[in-house]
Amino acid sequence: MLEKRRFQRYDLQLEASISVYDDQVFKKTEKGMTRDISAGGAFVQSSSKYPVGTSLYVEVYLPVNSNAGNIQSSKLQGQGCVIRNTPLGFAVSFDANDCDLVPETLS
């Protein structure tokens, strides 16, 4: 079968924070785990379901080994929207104009 995806997917289970964005206000925040992720989106394992088209603010935490040998963290953060639901969770497509990879300090 011909692969139609633009970006390579990675089978990574990473912690994600999902906030529902409605009328310029964050209505609800919950935690989930990615099942797979790419530059274009992610599948988030969650018992929550959102209507297709729901705007979300997503933060996915990425562990990074620094040159000094200590583990730091970065996160992918930005807006996206729900593109499908399954019994295991939902898929979110990232807004390429509103996503950044930023460093984060671990406490």
PDB file of N, CA and C in Angstrom:
ATOM      1  N   MET A   1       0.849  -1.179   0.000  1.00  0.00           N
ATOM      2  CA  MET A   1       0.000   0.000   0.000  1.00  0.00           C
ATOM      3  C   MET A   1       0.895   1.243   0.000  1.00  0.00           C
ATOM      4  N   LEU A   2       0.522   2.234  -0.759  1.00  0.00           N
ATOM      5  CA  LEU A   2       1.280   3.475  -0.883  1.00  0.00           C
ATOM      6  C   LEU A   2       1.105   4.337   0.360  1.00  0.00           C
ATOM      7  N   GLU A   3       2.213   4.744   0.958  1.00  0.00           N
ATOM      8  CA  GLU A   3       2.197   5.607   2.149  1.00  0.00           C
ATOM      9  C   GLU A   3       1.890   7.032   1.723  1.00  0.00           C
ATOM     10  N   LYS A   4       0.859   7.637   2.323  1.00  0.00           N
ATOM     11  CA  LYS A   4       0.433   8.990   1.952  1.00  0.00           C
ATOM     12  C   LYS A   4       0.869  10.051   2.954  1.00  0.00           C
ATOM     13  N   ARG A   5       1.463   9.642   4.057  1.00  0.00           N
ATOM     14  CA  ARG A   5       1.846  10.621   5.081  1.00  0.00           C
ATOM     15  C   ARG A   5       3.018  11.466   4.599  1.00  0.00           C
ATOM     16  N   ARG A   6       2.987  12.758   4.958  1.00  0.00           N
ATOM     17  CA  ARG A   6       4.076  13.671   4.601  1.00  0.00           C
ATOM     18  C   ARG A   6       5.283  13.514   5.508  1.00  0.00           C
ATOM     19  N   PHE A   7       5.056  13.132   6.763  1.00  0.00           N
ATOM     20  CA  PHE A   7       6.134  13.067   7.753  1.00  0.00           C
ATOM     21  C   PHE A   7       6.282  11.650   8.284  1.00  0.00           C
ATOM     22  N   GLN A   8       7.508  11.283   8.607  1.00  0.00           N
ATOM     23  CA  GLN A   8       7.756   9.979   9.207  1.00  0.00           C
ATOM     24  C   GLN A   8       7.183   9.947  10.613  1.00  0.00           C
ATOM     25  N   ARG A   9       6.516   8.834  10.950  1.00  0.00           N
ATOM     26  CA  ARG A   9       5.981   8.663  12.296  1.00  0.00           C
ATOM     27  C   ARG A   9       6.956   7.867  13.139  1.00  0.00           C
ATOM     28  N   TYR A  10       6.968   8.198  14.448  1.00  0.00           N
ATOM     29  CA  TYR A  10       7.825   7.502  15.399  1.00  0.00           C
ATOM     30  C   TYR A  10       6.956   6.905  16.491  1.00  0.00           C
ATOM     31  N   ASP A  11       7.196   5.649  16.796  1.00  0.00           N
ATOM     32  CA  ASP A  11       6.462   4.941  17.833  1.00  0.00           C
ATOM     33  C   ASP A  11       7.058   5.327  19.179  1.00  0.00           C
ATOM     34  N   LEU A  12       6.629   6.480  19.701  1.00  0.00           N
ATOM     35  CA  LEU A  12       7.164   7.006  20.958  1.00  0.00           C
ATOM     36  C   LEU A  12       6.037   7.224  21.954  1.00  0.00           C
ATOM     37  N   GLN A  13       6.232   6.726  23.145  1.00  0.00           N
ATOM     38  CA  GLN A  13       5.276   6.979  24.219  1.00  0.00           C
ATOM     39  C   GLN A  13       5.855   8.082  25.090  1.00  0.00           C
ATOM     40  N   LEU A  14       5.311   9.272  24.901  1.00  0.00           N
ATOM     41  CA  LEU A  14       5.775  10.465  25.607  1.00  0.00           C
ATOM     42  C   LEU A  14       4.604  11.116  26.330  1.00  0.00           C
ATOM     43  N   GLU A  15       4.897  11.729  27.478  1.00  0.00           N
ATOM     44  CA  GLU A  15       3.853  12.431  28.225  1.00  0.00           C
ATOM     45  C   GLU A  15       3.388  13.648  27.433  1.00  0.00           C
ATOM     46  N   ALA A  16       2.082  13.828  27.406  1.00  0.00           N
ATOM     47  CA  ALA A  16       1.496  14.968  26.706  1.00  0.00           C
ATOM     48  C   ALA A  16       0.488  15.660  27.616  1.00  0.00           C
ATOM     49  N   SER A  17       0.450  16.959  27.531  1.00  0.00           N
ATOM     50  CA  SER A  17      -0.553  17.765  28.224  1.00  0.00           C
ATOM     51  C   SER A  17      -1.436  18.377  27.144  1.00  0.00           C
ATOM     52  N   ILE A  18      -2.736  18.167  27.272  1.00  0.00           N
ATOM     53  CA  ILE A  18      -3.697  18.616  26.267  1.00  0.00           C
ATOM     54  C   ILE A  18      -4.650  19.603  26.916  1.00  0.00           C
ATOM     55  N   SER A  19      -4.793  20.776  26.301  1.00  0.00           N
ATOM     56  CA  SER A  19      -5.748  21.779  26.777  1.00  0.00           C
ATOM     57  C   SER A  19      -6.736  22.075  25.669  1.00  0.00           C
ATOM     58  N   VAL A  20      -8.015  22.020  26.007  1.00  0.00           N
ATOM     59  CA  VAL A  20      -9.055  22.358  25.039  1.00  0.00           C
ATOM     60  C   VAL A  20      -9.124  23.870  24.942  1.00  0.00           C
ATOM     61  N   TYR A  21      -9.091  24.350  23.731  1.00  0.00           N
ATOM     62  CA  TYR A  21      -9.042  25.794  23.466  1.00  0.00           C
ATOM     63  C   TYR A  21     -10.346  26.186  22.797  1.00  0.00           C
ATOM     64  N   ASP A  22     -11.137  27.047  23.461  1.00  0.00           N
ATOM     65  CA  ASP A  22     -12.433  27.446  22.923  1.00  0.00           C
ATOM     66  C   ASP A  22     -12.698  28.897  23.277  1.00  0.00           C
ATOM     67  N   ASP A  23     -13.093  29.693  22.309  1.00  0.00           N
ATOM     68  CA  ASP A  23     -13.396  31.108  22.529  1.00  0.00           C
ATOM     69  C   ASP A  23     -12.243  31.839  23.206  1.00  0.00           C
ATOM     70  N   GLN A  24     -11.007  31.573  22.745  1.00  0.00           N
ATOM     71  CA  GLN A  24      -9.797  32.227  23.256  1.00  0.00           C
ATOM     72  C   GLN A  24      -9.493  31.893  24.711  1.00  0.00           C
ATOM     73  N   VAL A  25     -10.101  30.831  25.254  1.00  0.00           N
ATOM     74  CA  VAL A  25      -9.896  30.442  26.655  1.00  0.00           C
ATOM     75  C   VAL A  25      -9.610  28.940  26.712  1.00  0.00           C
ATOM     76  N   PHE A  26      -8.665  28.539  27.583  1.00  0.00           N
ATOM     77  CA  PHE A  26      -8.422  27.124  27.811  1.00  0.00           C
ATOM     78  C   PHE A  26      -9.490  26.606  28.757  1.00  0.00           C
ATOM     79  N   LYS A  27     -10.283  25.642  28.304  1.00  0.00           N
ATOM     80  CA  LYS A  27     -11.419  25.157  29.080  1.00  0.00           C
ATOM     81  C   LYS A  27     -11.077  23.969  29.982  1.00  0.00           C
ATOM     82  N   LYS A  28     -10.141  23.121  29.565  1.00  0.00           N
ATOM     83  CA  LYS A  28      -9.860  21.893  30.303  1.00  0.00           C
ATOM     84  C   LYS A  28      -8.456  21.436  29.953  1.00  0.00           C
ATOM     85  N   THR A  29      -7.726  20.939  30.934  1.00  0.00           N
ATOM     86  CA  THR A  29      -6.394  20.387  30.666  1.00  0.00           C
ATOM     87  C   THR A  29      -6.332  18.975  31.230  1.00  0.00           C
ATOM     88  N   GLU A  30      -5.732  18.070  30.466  1.00  0.00           N
ATOM     89  CA  GLU A  30      -5.571  16.695  30.929  1.00  0.00           C
ATOM     90  C   GLU A  30      -4.246  16.146  30.426  1.00  0.00           C
ATOM     91  N   LYS A  31      -3.829  15.053  31.007  1.00  0.00           N
ATOM     92  CA  LYS A  31      -2.587  14.379  30.617  1.00  0.00           C
ATOM     93  C   LYS A  31      -2.925  13.165  29.767  1.00  0.00           C
ATOM     94  N   GLY A  32      -2.009  12.812  28.899  1.00  0.00           N
ATOM     95  CA  GLY A  32      -2.135  11.619  28.079  1.00  0.00           C
ATOM     96  C   GLY A  32      -0.753  11.151  27.688  1.00  0.00           C
ATOM     97  N   MET A  33      -0.687  10.104  26.898  1.00  0.00           N
ATOM     98  CA  MET A  33       0.575   9.582  26.389  1.00  0.00           C
ATOM     99  C   MET A  33       0.454   9.453  24.879  1.00  0.00           C
ATOM    100  N   THR A  34       1.504   9.878  24.186  1.00  0.00           N
ATOM    101  CA  THR A  34       1.488   9.669  22.750  1.00  0.00           C
ATOM    102  C   THR A  34       1.685   8.188  22.470  1.00  0.00           C
ATOM    103  N   ARG A  35       1.110   7.730  21.382  1.00  0.00           N
ATOM    104  CA  ARG A  35       1.366   6.372  20.906  1.00  0.00           C
ATOM    105  C   ARG A  35       2.321   6.446  19.727  1.00  0.00           C
ATOM    106  N   ASP A  36       2.125   7.448  18.919  1.00  0.00           N
ATOM    107  CA  ASP A  36       3.081   7.756  17.867  1.00  0.00           C
ATOM    108  C   ASP A  36       3.030   9.258  17.615  1.00  0.00           C
ATOM    109  N   ILE A  37       4.108   9.758  16.998  1.00  0.00           N
ATOM    110  CA  ILE A  37       4.232  11.193  16.813  1.00  0.00           C
ATOM    111  C   ILE A  37       5.031  11.458  15.551  1.00  0.00           C
ATOM    112  N   SER A  38       4.733  12.565  14.884  1.00  0.00           N
ATOM    113  CA  SER A  38       5.490  13.001  13.721  1.00  0.00           C
ATOM    114  C   SER A  38       5.550  14.521  13.758  1.00  0.00           C
ATOM    115  N   ALA A  39       6.212  15.108  12.789  1.00  0.00           N
ATOM    116  CA  ALA A  39       6.268  16.563  12.709  1.00  0.00           C
ATOM    117  C   ALA A  39       4.889  17.156  12.414  1.00  0.00           C
ATOM    118  N   GLY A  40       3.978  16.335  11.921  1.00  0.00           N
ATOM    119  CA  GLY A  40       2.656  16.834  11.563  1.00  0.00           C
ATOM    120  C   GLY A  40       1.566  16.587  12.574  1.00  0.00           C
ATOM    121  N   GLY A  41       1.818  15.725  13.566  1.00  0.00           N
ATOM    122  CA  GLY A  41       0.769  15.440  14.541  1.00  0.00           C
ATOM    123  C   GLY A  41       1.131  14.272  15.435  1.00  0.00           C
ATOM    124  N   ALA A  42       0.150  13.848  16.223  1.00  0.00           N
ATOM    125  CA  ALA A  42       0.374  12.743  17.160  1.00  0.00           C
ATOM    126  C   ALA A  42      -0.941  12.044  17.446  1.00  0.00           C
ATOM    127  N   PHE A  43      -0.825  10.787  17.857  1.00  0.00           N
ATOM    128  CA  PHE A  43      -1.968  10.070  18.402  1.00  0.00           C
ATOM    129  C   PHE A  43      -1.785  10.066  19.904  1.00  0.00           C
ATOM    130  N   VAL A  44      -2.805  10.513  20.642  1.00  0.00           N
ATOM    131  CA  VAL A  44      -2.736  10.604  22.099  1.00  0.00           C
ATOM    132  C   VAL A  44      -3.669   9.572  22.708  1.00  0.00           C
ATOM    133  N   GLN A  45      -3.108   8.678  23.521  1.00  0.00           N
ATOM    134  CA  GLN A  45      -3.920   7.693  24.226  1.00  0.00           C
ATOM    135  C   GLN A  45      -4.628   8.395  25.369  1.00  0.00           C
ATOM    136  N   SER A  46      -5.955   8.306  25.349  1.00  0.00           N
ATOM    137  CA  SER A  46      -6.760   9.007  26.349  1.00  0.00           C
ATOM    138  C   SER A  46      -8.165   8.422  26.340  1.00  0.00           C
ATOM    139  N   SER A  47      -8.824   8.475  27.490  1.00  0.00           N
ATOM    140  CA  SER A  47     -10.222   8.053  27.532  1.00  0.00           C
ATOM    141  C   SER A  47     -11.137   9.177  27.051  1.00  0.00           C
ATOM    142  N   SER A  48     -10.596  10.390  26.924  1.00  0.00           N
ATOM    143  CA  SER A  48     -11.388  11.528  26.450  1.00  0.00           C
ATOM    144  C   SER A  48     -11.545  11.480  24.938  1.00  0.00           C
ATOM    145  N   LYS A  49     -12.664  11.955  24.474  1.00  0.00           N
ATOM    146  CA  LYS A  49     -12.924  12.096  23.048  1.00  0.00           C
ATOM    147  C   LYS A  49     -13.346  13.537  22.802  1.00  0.00           C
ATOM    148  N   TYR A  50     -12.889  14.092  21.689  1.00  0.00           N
ATOM    149  CA  TYR A  50     -13.240  15.457  21.317  1.00  0.00           C
ATOM    150  C   TYR A  50     -13.795  15.439  19.898  1.00  0.00           C
ATOM    151  N   PRO A  51     -14.770  16.279  19.620  1.00  0.00           N
ATOM    152  CA  PRO A  51     -15.292  16.317  18.248  1.00  0.00           C
ATOM    153  C   PRO A  51     -14.188  16.666  17.253  1.00  0.00           C
ATOM    154  N   VAL A  52     -14.242  16.058  16.078  1.00  0.00           N
ATOM    155  CA  VAL A  52     -13.292  16.383  15.019  1.00  0.00           C
ATOM    156  C   VAL A  52     -13.361  17.890  14.765  1.00  0.00           C
ATOM    157  N   GLY A  53     -12.200  18.524  14.681  1.00  0.00           N
ATOM    158  CA  GLY A  53     -12.126  19.968  14.478  1.00  0.00           C
ATOM    159  C   GLY A  53     -11.916  20.761  15.760  1.00  0.00           C
ATOM    160  N   THR A  54     -11.992  20.101  16.921  1.00  0.00           N
ATOM    161  CA  THR A  54     -11.777  20.781  18.199  1.00  0.00           C
ATOM    162  C   THR A  54     -10.351  21.326  18.264  1.00  0.00           C
ATOM    163  N   SER A  55     -10.200  22.599  18.615  1.00  0.00           N
ATOM    164  CA  SER A  55      -8.880  23.216  18.766  1.00  0.00           C
ATOM    165  C   SER A  55      -8.277  22.825  20.102  1.00  0.00           C
ATOM    166  N   LEU A  56      -7.008  22.424  20.093  1.00  0.00           N
ATOM    167  CA  LEU A  56      -6.300  22.014  21.295  1.00  0.00           C
ATOM    168  C   LEU A  56      -4.964  22.735  21.372  1.00  0.00           C
ATOM    169  N   TYR A  57      -4.482  22.917  22.592  1.00  0.00           N
ATOM    170  CA  TYR A  57      -3.116  23.355  22.826  1.00  0.00           C
ATOM    171  C   TYR A  57      -2.384  22.131  23.370  1.00  0.00           C
ATOM    172  N   VAL A  58      -1.299  21.753  22.745  1.00  0.00           N
ATOM    173  CA  VAL A  58      -0.607  20.510  23.056  1.00  0.00           C
ATOM    174  C   VAL A  58       0.814  20.795  23.523  1.00  0.00           C
ATOM    175  N   GLU A  59       1.241  20.096  24.579  1.00  0.00           N
ATOM    176  CA  GLU A  59       2.633  20.088  25.012  1.00  0.00           C
ATOM    177  C   GLU A  59       3.057  18.632  25.118  1.00  0.00           C
ATOM    178  N   VAL A  60       4.105  18.269  24.387  1.00  0.00           N
ATOM    179  CA  VAL A  60       4.657  16.916  24.434  1.00  0.00           C
ATOM    180  C   VAL A  60       6.080  17.036  24.957  1.00  0.00           C
ATOM    181  N   TYR A  61       6.374  16.311  26.034  1.00  0.00           N
ATOM    182  CA  TYR A  61       7.656  16.426  26.723  1.00  0.00           C
ATOM    183  C   TYR A  61       8.659  15.430  26.137  1.00  0.00           C
ATOM    184  N   LEU A  62       9.812  15.962  25.717  1.00  0.00           N
ATOM    185  CA  LEU A  62      10.848  15.167  25.055  1.00  0.00           C
ATOM    186  C   LEU A  62      12.111  15.130  25.904  1.00  0.00           C
ATOM    187  N   PRO A  63      12.546  13.961  26.388  1.00  0.00           N
ATOM    188  CA  PRO A  63      13.815  13.896  27.128  1.00  0.00           C
ATOM    189  C   PRO A  63      14.978  14.062  26.156  1.00  0.00           C
ATOM    190  N   VAL A  64      15.988  14.791  26.586  1.00  0.00           N
ATOM    191  CA  VAL A  64      17.159  15.059  25.747  1.00  0.00           C
ATOM    192  C   VAL A  64      18.419  14.850  26.584  1.00  0.00           C
ATOM    193  N   ASN A  65      19.373  14.093  26.064  1.00  0.00           N
ATOM    194  CA  ASN A  65      20.672  13.961  26.729  1.00  0.00           C
ATOM    195  C   ASN A  65      21.558  15.101  26.285  1.00  0.00           C
ATOM    196  N   SER A  66      22.093  15.847  27.230  1.00  0.00           N
ATOM    197  CA  SER A  66      22.975  16.963  26.889  1.00  0.00           C
ATOM    198  C   SER A  66      24.402  16.463  26.730  1.00  0.00           C
ATOM    199  N   ASN A  67      25.273  17.317  26.213  1.00  0.00           N
ATOM    200  CA  ASN A  67      26.689  16.973  26.069  1.00  0.00           C
ATOM    201  C   ASN A  67      27.342  16.712  27.418  1.00  0.00           C
ATOM    202  N   ALA A  68      26.819  17.311  28.485  1.00  0.00           N
ATOM    203  CA  ALA A  68      27.387  17.136  29.824  1.00  0.00           C
ATOM    204  C   ALA A  68      26.967  15.805  30.441  1.00  0.00           C
ATOM    205  N   GLY A  69      26.083  15.061  29.762  1.00  0.00           N
ATOM    206  CA  GLY A  69      25.685  13.758  30.266  1.00  0.00           C
ATOM    207  C   GLY A  69      24.449  13.777  31.144  1.00  0.00           C
ATOM    208  N   ASN A  70      23.965  14.950  31.512  1.00  0.00           N
ATOM    209  CA  ASN A  70      22.756  14.983  32.334  1.00  0.00           C
ATOM    210  C   ASN A  70      21.531  15.044  31.426  1.00  0.00           C
ATOM    211  N   ILE A  71      20.430  14.567  31.949  1.00  0.00           N
ATOM    212  CA  ILE A  71      19.200  14.543  31.164  1.00  0.00           C
ATOM    213  C   ILE A  71      18.460  15.848  31.372  1.00  0.00           C
ATOM    214  N   GLN A  72      18.136  16.473  30.261  1.00  0.00           N
ATOM    215  CA  GLN A  72      17.341  17.686  30.280  1.00  0.00           C
ATOM    216  C   GLN A  72      16.022  17.372  29.590  1.00  0.00           C
ATOM    217  N   SER A  73      15.206  18.367  29.387  1.00  0.00           N
ATOM    218  CA  SER A  73      13.944  18.140  28.726  1.00  0.00           C
ATOM    219  C   SER A  73      13.658  19.293  27.774  1.00  0.00           C
ATOM    220  N   SER A  74      13.002  18.956  26.704  1.00  0.00           N
ATOM    221  CA  SER A  74      12.465  19.946  25.784  1.00  0.00           C
ATOM    222  C   SER A  74      11.006  19.592  25.604  1.00  0.00           C
ATOM    223  N   LYS A  75      10.264  20.506  25.058  1.00  0.00           N
ATOM    224  CA  LYS A  75       8.880  20.168  24.774  1.00  0.00           C
ATOM    225  C   LYS A  75       8.456  20.763  23.441  1.00  0.00           C
ATOM    226  N   LEU A  76       7.619  20.007  22.779  1.00  0.00           N
ATOM    227  CA  LEU A  76       6.953  20.472  21.583  1.00  0.00           C
ATOM    228  C   LEU A  76       5.669  21.105  22.073  1.00  0.00           C
ATOM    229  N   GLN A  77       5.435  22.345  21.717  1.00  0.00           N
ATOM    230  CA  GLN A  77       4.220  23.004  22.190  1.00  0.00           C
ATOM    231  C   GLN A  77       3.579  23.786  21.054  1.00  0.00           C
ATOM    232  N   GLY A  78       2.274  23.829  21.061  1.00  0.00           N
ATOM    233  CA  GLY A  78       1.568  24.615  20.074  1.00  0.00           C
ATOM    234  C   GLY A  78       0.137  24.146  19.899  1.00  0.00           C
ATOM    235  N   GLN A  79      -0.521  24.752  18.936  1.00  0.00           N
ATOM    236  CA  GLN A  79      -1.923  24.446  18.686  1.00  0.00           C
ATOM    237  C   GLN A  79      -2.073  23.376  17.625  1.00  0.00           C
ATOM    238  N   GLY A  80      -3.192  22.714  17.692  1.00  0.00           N
ATOM    239  CA  GLY A  80      -3.550  21.716  16.708  1.00  0.00           C
ATOM    240  C   GLY A  80      -5.041  21.491  16.750  1.00  0.00           C
ATOM    241  N   CYS A  81      -5.506  20.518  15.976  1.00  0.00           N
ATOM    242  CA  CYS A  81      -6.935  20.201  16.031  1.00  0.00           C
ATOM    243  C   CYS A  81      -7.125  18.697  15.901  1.00  0.00           C
ATOM    244  N   VAL A  82      -8.216  18.224  16.469  1.00  0.00           N
ATOM    245  CA  VAL A  82      -8.552  16.797  16.445  1.00  0.00           C
ATOM    246  C   VAL A  82      -8.972  16.423  15.024  1.00  0.00           C
ATOM    247  N   ILE A  83      -8.363  15.336  14.522  1.00  0.00           N
ATOM    248  CA  ILE A  83      -8.727  14.883  13.181  1.00  0.00           C
ATOM    249  C   ILE A  83      -9.427  13.528  13.175  1.00  0.00           C
ATOM    250  N   ARG A  84      -9.333  12.774  14.292  1.00  0.00           N
ATOM    251  CA  ARG A  84     -10.103  11.527  14.402  1.00  0.00           C
ATOM    252  C   ARG A  84     -10.070  11.015  15.834  1.00  0.00           C
ATOM    253  N   ASN A  85     -11.053  10.173  16.138  1.00  0.00           N
ATOM    254  CA  ASN A  85     -11.157   9.512  17.436  1.00  0.00           C
ATOM    255  C   ASN A  85     -11.193   8.007  17.229  1.00  0.00           C
ATOM    256  N   THR A  86     -10.653   7.266  18.209  1.00  0.00           N
ATOM    257  CA  THR A  86     -10.757   5.809  18.234  1.00  0.00           C
ATOM    258  C   THR A  86     -11.076   5.422  19.668  1.00  0.00           C
ATOM    259  N   PRO A  87     -11.381   4.168  19.928  1.00  0.00           N
ATOM    260  CA  PRO A  87     -11.605   3.751  21.317  1.00  0.00           C
ATOM    261  C   PRO A  87     -10.384   3.962  22.220  1.00  0.00           C
ATOM    262  N   LEU A  88      -9.170   4.055  21.638  1.00  0.00           N
ATOM    263  CA  LEU A  88      -7.950   4.205  22.435  1.00  0.00           C
ATOM    264  C   LEU A  88      -7.531   5.650  22.656  1.00  0.00           C
ATOM    265  N   GLY A  89      -8.114   6.602  21.921  1.00  0.00           N
ATOM    266  CA  GLY A  89      -7.705   7.996  22.056  1.00  0.00           C
ATOM    267  C   GLY A  89      -8.073   8.809  20.840  1.00  0.00           C
ATOM    268  N   PHE A  90      -7.249   9.814  20.538  1.00  0.00           N
ATOM    269  CA  PHE A  90      -7.564  10.703  19.425  1.00  0.00           C
ATOM    270  C   PHE A  90      -6.283  11.135  18.714  1.00  0.00           C
ATOM    271  N   ALA A  91      -6.435  11.518  17.459  1.00  0.00           N
ATOM    272  CA  ALA A  91      -5.312  12.009  16.663  1.00  0.00           C
ATOM    273  C   ALA A  91      -5.442  13.520  16.549  1.00  0.00           C
ATOM    274  N   VAL A  92      -4.313  14.191  16.719  1.00  0.00           N
ATOM    275  CA  VAL A  92      -4.274  15.646  16.611  1.00  0.00           C
ATOM    276  C   VAL A  92      -3.282  16.027  15.516  1.00  0.00           C
ATOM    277  N   SER A  93      -3.691  16.960  14.682  1.00  0.00           N
ATOM    278  CA  SER A  93      -2.828  17.505  13.640  1.00  0.00           C
ATOM    279  C   SER A  93      -2.280  18.828  14.147  1.00  0.00           C
ATOM    280  N   PHE A  94      -0.947  18.978  14.122  1.00  0.00           N
ATOM    281  CA  PHE A  94      -0.324  20.205  14.611  1.00  0.00           C
ATOM    282  C   PHE A  94      -0.465  21.331  13.590  1.00  0.00           C
ATOM    283  N   ASP A  95      -0.652  22.546  14.073  1.00  0.00           N
ATOM    284  CA  ASP A  95      -0.642  23.742  13.232  1.00  0.00           C
ATOM    285  C   ASP A  95       0.822  24.127  13.023  1.00  0.00           C
ATOM    286  N   ALA A  96       1.325  23.938  11.815  1.00  0.00           N
ATOM    287  CA  ALA A  96       2.745  24.169  11.530  1.00  0.00           C
ATOM    288  C   ALA A  96       3.171  25.605  11.804  1.00  0.00           C
ATOM    289  N   ASN A  97       2.246  26.556  11.765  1.00  0.00           N
ATOM    290  CA  ASN A  97       2.579  27.959  12.012  1.00  0.00           C
ATOM    291  C   ASN A  97       2.563  28.310  13.491  1.00  0.00           C
ATOM    292  N   ASP A  98       2.115  27.373  14.341  1.00  0.00           N
ATOM    293  CA  ASP A  98       1.981  27.684  15.760  1.00  0.00           C
ATOM    294  C   ASP A  98       2.521  26.555  16.634  1.00  0.00           C
ATOM    295  N   CYS A  99       3.632  25.933  16.233  1.00  0.00           N
ATOM    296  CA  CYS A  99       4.280  24.905  17.040  1.00  0.00           C
ATOM    297  C   CYS A  99       5.761  25.222  17.153  1.00  0.00           C
ATOM    298  N   ASP A 100       6.301  25.019  18.341  1.00  0.00           N
ATOM    299  CA  ASP A 100       7.709  25.272  18.600  1.00  0.00           C
ATOM    300  C   ASP A 100       8.292  24.136  19.432  1.00  0.00           C
ATOM    301  N   LEU A 101       9.583  23.940  19.310  1.00  0.00           N
ATOM    302  CA  LEU A 101      10.332  23.051  20.175  1.00  0.00           C
ATOM    303  C   LEU A 101      11.148  23.933  21.088  1.00  0.00           C
ATOM    304  N   VAL A 102      10.879  23.855  22.403  1.00  0.00           N
ATOM    305  CA  VAL A 102      11.531  24.758  23.349  1.00  0.00           C
ATOM    306  C   VAL A 102      12.179  23.963  24.478  1.00  0.00           C
ATOM    307  N   PRO A 103      13.310  24.468  25.022  1.00  0.00           N
ATOM    308  CA  PRO A 103      13.939  23.789  26.165  1.00  0.00           C
ATOM    309  C   PRO A 103      13.103  24.013  27.425  1.00  0.00           C
ATOM    310  N   GLU A 104      13.224  23.065  28.340  1.00  0.00           N
ATOM    311  CA  GLU A 104      12.529  23.164  29.620  1.00  0.00           C
ATOM    312  C   GLU A 104      13.473  22.664  30.699  1.00  0.00           C
ATOM    313  N   THR A 105      13.444  23.281  31.845  1.00  0.00           N
ATOM    314  CA  THR A 105      14.283  22.868  32.948  1.00  0.00           C
ATOM    315  C   THR A 105      13.562  21.830  33.790  1.00  0.00           C
ATOM    316  N   LEU A 106      14.208  20.722  34.067  1.00  0.00           N
ATOM    317  CA  LEU A 106      13.641  19.715  34.955  1.00  0.00           C
ATOM    318  C   LEU A 106      13.926  20.084  36.400  1.00  0.00           C
ATOM    319  N   SER A 107      12.957  19.862  37.248  1.00  0.00           N
ATOM    320  CA  SER A 107      13.184  20.176  38.663  1.00  0.00           C
ATOM    321  C   SER A 107      13.624  18.965  39.417  1.00  0.00           C
TER     322      SER A 107
END
